[in-house]
Amino acid sequence: MKKLFFIEGVDGAGKSSLIHELLKRPAPRGCSWYQTVEPSVPPSQFATSGIAQALHYNLDRRQHLERMVTLPDDTIIVCDRGPLSTAAYQGAAQGVSMHDLTSLHHLTVSEFRLDFDFHNIILQVPFAEALRRVKERDGKVSEDAVTIMAEAWNFYDRRYSRVSIFGTEHVVGADRFIDDLVTVVYGIIERN
């Protein structure tokens, strides 16, 4: 069975940096790595509301999974963002209900649950640190962007390790040196 690890967290949590460093290591148990990102296709200029964006992300995820179905069974897929980002940014930050997000998920991707072992690795970092990293990376950040980021951060901060419709969740403190973070996440992937 293919294993799909969504690397989740607020902007500035270190998702891209983690993936870059993680994939320098050999994949566990003789498996192979496959790196990807969501959304694989950015939303159109017309997807401005939270529900329109959520629909786009779920349809994109469906096509994304259809492409990944063809990968060998010993593949470990590492994806920058996934369903929890939709729940955080379109749900918590833009007001789309969890009921609507769950319905969209079931309509578009639930049949793939038999073909993939889904995991979410949630990188948690203090909000001030995440915001500092985003400002360092992007320069000035608008007040609206900070508000959305804060709502998304609150969503991630309230989550605890458990099994949900989006797969098993693993919460990892990301306010550590990158080598330490890679070691912790590699261990999660190796055990699962």
Protein backbone atom coordinates (compact mmCIF):
# COMPACT_ATOMS: atom_id res chain seq x y z
CA MET A 1 0.00 0.00 0.00
CA LYS A 2 1.27 3.46 -0.88
CA LYS A 3 1.84 5.75 2.08
CA LEU A 4 0.90 9.40 1.66
CA PHE A 5 2.27 11.89 4.19
CA PHE A 6 0.78 15.37 3.99
CA ILE A 7 3.19 17.85 5.61
CA GLU A 8 0.85 20.39 7.18
CA GLY A 9 1.15 23.59 9.15
CA VAL A 10 0.67 27.32 9.01
CA ASP A 11 2.72 29.47 6.64
CA GLY A 12 6.22 29.71 8.07
CA ALA A 13 6.07 26.37 9.93
CA GLY A 14 8.92 25.01 7.80
CA LYS A 15 7.10 22.56 5.52
CA SER A 16 9.14 23.17 2.37
CA SER A 17 12.45 23.28 4.23
CA LEU A 18 11.62 20.05 6.02
CA ILE A 19 10.71 18.24 2.79
CA HIS A 20 13.85 19.49 1.05
CA GLU A 21 16.08 18.12 3.82
CA LEU A 22 14.03 14.95 4.42
CA LEU A 23 14.31 13.77 0.84
CA LYS A 24 18.12 13.94 1.02
CA ARG A 25 17.92 10.81 3.19
CA PRO A 26 17.30 7.35 1.72
CA ALA A 27 13.65 6.31 1.94
CA PRO A 28 12.91 3.82 4.76
CA ARG A 29 12.63 0.04 4.21
CA GLY A 30 13.87 0.06 0.63
CA CYS A 31 10.94 2.19 -0.51
CA SER A 32 11.22 5.15 -2.84
CA TRP A 33 10.31 8.79 -2.27
CA TYR A 34 7.84 10.75 -4.38
CA GLN A 35 7.57 14.49 -3.71
CA THR A 36 4.54 16.56 -4.61
CA VAL A 37 2.61 19.66 -3.56
CA GLU A 38 -1.01 20.75 -3.18
CA PRO A 39 -2.53 22.41 -4.93
CA SER A 40 -0.82 20.95 -7.97
CA VAL A 41 -2.66 23.57 -10.03
CA PRO A 42 -3.17 27.05 -8.49
CA PRO A 43 -6.80 28.23 -8.24
CA SER A 44 -8.14 30.41 -11.00
CA GLN A 45 -8.71 34.11 -10.45
CA PHE A 46 -12.43 33.32 -10.13
CA ALA A 47 -12.01 31.11 -7.03
CA THR A 48 -12.11 34.02 -4.61
CA SER A 49 -14.56 32.77 -1.97
CA GLY A 50 -13.60 30.18 0.61
CA ILE A 51 -16.09 27.61 -0.74
CA ALA A 52 -14.90 28.10 -4.35
CA GLN A 53 -11.29 27.63 -3.23
CA ALA A 54 -12.23 24.52 -1.19
CA LEU A 55 -13.99 23.03 -4.22
CA HIS A 56 -10.97 23.77 -6.41
CA TYR A 57 -8.56 22.19 -3.90
CA ASN A 58 -10.70 19.06 -3.56
CA LEU A 59 -11.06 18.61 -7.32
CA ASP A 60 -7.34 19.20 -7.71
CA ARG A 61 -6.68 16.63 -4.95
CA ARG A 62 -8.85 14.10 -6.83
CA GLN A 63 -6.81 14.53 -10.03
CA HIS A 64 -3.63 14.53 -7.99
CA LEU A 65 -4.54 11.19 -6.35
CA GLU A 66 -5.53 9.70 -9.71
CA ARG A 67 -1.99 10.41 -10.95
CA MET A 68 -0.45 8.97 -7.78
CA VAL A 69 -2.46 5.73 -8.01
CA THR A 70 -0.08 4.61 -10.76
CA LEU A 71 2.98 4.81 -8.48
CA PRO A 72 4.47 1.53 -7.19
CA ASP A 73 3.08 0.23 -3.88
CA ASP A 74 6.43 0.74 -2.11
CA THR A 75 6.28 4.50 -2.69
CA ILE A 76 6.34 6.97 0.19
CA ILE A 77 4.62 10.12 -1.05
CA VAL A 78 5.51 13.36 0.72
CA CYS A 79 3.12 16.20 -0.10
CA ASP A 80 3.56 19.85 0.84
CA ARG A 81 0.07 20.64 2.24
CA GLY A 82 -3.13 18.66 1.96
CA PRO A 83 -6.69 18.40 3.30
CA LEU A 84 -5.90 19.95 6.68
CA SER A 85 -4.64 23.09 4.93
CA THR A 86 -8.02 23.32 3.22
CA ALA A 87 -9.72 22.93 6.61
CA ALA A 88 -7.42 25.56 8.16
CA TYR A 89 -7.39 28.20 5.42
CA GLN A 90 -10.77 27.79 3.72
CA GLY A 91 -12.56 26.44 6.79
CA ALA A 92 -11.28 28.14 9.92
CA ALA A 93 -9.92 31.28 8.25
CA GLN A 94 -12.61 31.83 5.60
CA GLY A 95 -15.70 30.37 7.29
CA VAL A 96 -16.45 27.25 5.22
CA SER A 97 -18.13 24.81 7.60
CA MET A 98 -16.49 21.53 8.52
CA HIS A 99 -19.67 19.82 7.30
CA ASP A 100 -19.22 21.32 3.83
CA LEU A 101 -15.50 20.50 3.77
CA THR A 102 -16.19 16.90 4.84
CA SER A 103 -18.91 16.58 2.17
CA LEU A 104 -16.54 17.89 -0.53
CA HIS A 105 -13.84 15.48 0.67
CA HIS A 106 -16.20 12.50 0.53
CA LEU A 107 -17.53 13.46 -2.89
CA THR A 108 -14.12 13.91 -4.45
CA VAL A 109 -11.52 11.69 -2.79
CA SER A 110 -12.96 9.21 -0.27
CA GLU A 111 -12.79 6.19 -2.61
CA PHE A 112 -8.99 6.45 -2.59
CA ARG A 113 -8.83 5.61 1.13
CA LEU A 114 -8.42 1.92 0.22
CA ASP A 115 -5.43 2.58 -2.02
CA PHE A 116 -3.45 4.89 0.26
CA ASP A 117 -2.42 4.95 3.90
CA PHE A 118 -2.98 8.65 4.70
CA HIS A 119 -0.99 10.50 7.36
CA ASN A 120 -0.81 14.17 8.31
CA ILE A 121 2.36 15.48 9.91
CA ILE A 122 1.37 18.78 11.49
CA LEU A 123 4.28 21.13 12.12
CA GLN A 124 3.50 23.37 15.08
CA VAL A 125 5.44 26.52 15.74
CA PRO A 126 4.60 29.57 17.90
CA PHE A 127 2.63 32.09 15.88
CA ALA A 128 5.18 34.89 16.39
CA GLU A 129 7.94 32.64 15.02
CA ALA A 130 5.86 31.58 12.00
CA LEU A 131 5.04 35.23 11.24
CA ARG A 132 8.72 36.21 11.60
CA ARG A 133 9.69 33.49 9.12
CA VAL A 134 7.03 34.57 6.62
CA LYS A 135 8.13 38.21 6.83
CA GLU A 136 11.76 37.17 6.39
CA ARG A 137 10.82 35.08 3.34
CA ASP A 138 8.21 37.34 1.71
CA GLY A 139 8.89 40.82 3.03
CA LYS A 140 5.89 42.90 4.08
CA VAL A 141 2.75 40.93 4.98
CA SER A 142 -0.71 42.57 4.75
CA GLU A 143 -3.03 42.77 7.77
CA ASP A 144 -5.55 40.53 5.95
CA ALA A 145 -2.85 37.90 5.38
CA VAL A 146 -1.85 38.03 9.05
CA THR A 147 -5.51 37.61 10.11
CA ILE A 148 -5.97 34.58 7.84
CA MET A 149 -2.67 33.13 9.01
CA ALA A 150 -3.71 33.62 12.66
CA GLU A 151 -7.02 31.81 12.12
CA ALA A 152 -5.23 28.95 10.36
CA TRP A 153 -2.65 28.80 13.16
CA ASN A 154 -5.46 28.58 15.74
CA PHE A 155 -6.96 25.68 13.79
CA TYR A 156 -3.68 23.75 13.76
CA ASP A 157 -3.00 24.60 17.42
CA ARG A 158 -6.32 23.04 18.50
CA ARG A 159 -5.63 19.68 16.77
CA TYR A 160 -4.29 16.67 18.61
CA SER A 161 -2.96 13.34 17.32
CA ARG A 162 -5.85 11.09 16.34
CA VAL A 163 -7.42 9.37 13.35
CA SER A 164 -9.80 11.55 11.35
CA ILE A 165 -11.35 11.52 7.89
CA PHE A 166 -8.11 13.04 6.67
CA GLY A 167 -5.91 10.21 8.01
CA THR A 168 -3.77 9.68 11.08
CA GLU A 169 -2.39 12.88 12.58
CA HIS A 170 1.09 13.33 14.01
CA VAL A 171 1.83 16.65 15.71
CA VAL A 172 5.48 17.75 15.74
CA GLY A 173 6.97 20.84 17.35
CA ALA A 174 8.74 22.68 14.53
CA ASP A 175 10.57 25.29 16.58
CA ARG A 176 13.80 23.27 16.57
CA PHE A 177 16.86 22.95 14.38
CA ILE A 178 16.07 21.55 10.94
CA ASP A 179 18.28 18.46 11.45
CA ASP A 180 16.35 17.58 14.61
CA LEU A 181 13.03 18.16 12.86
CA VAL A 182 14.04 15.92 9.95
CA THR A 183 15.08 13.16 12.37
CA VAL A 184 11.72 13.30 14.19
CA VAL A 185 9.67 13.29 10.96
CA TYR A 186 11.81 10.55 9.38
CA GLY A 187 11.12 8.46 12.50
CA ILE A 188 7.36 8.95 12.10
CA ILE A 189 7.54 7.88 8.46
CA GLU A 190 9.72 4.89 9.32
CA ARG A 191 7.32 3.66 12.05
CA ASN A 192 4.24 4.05 9.89
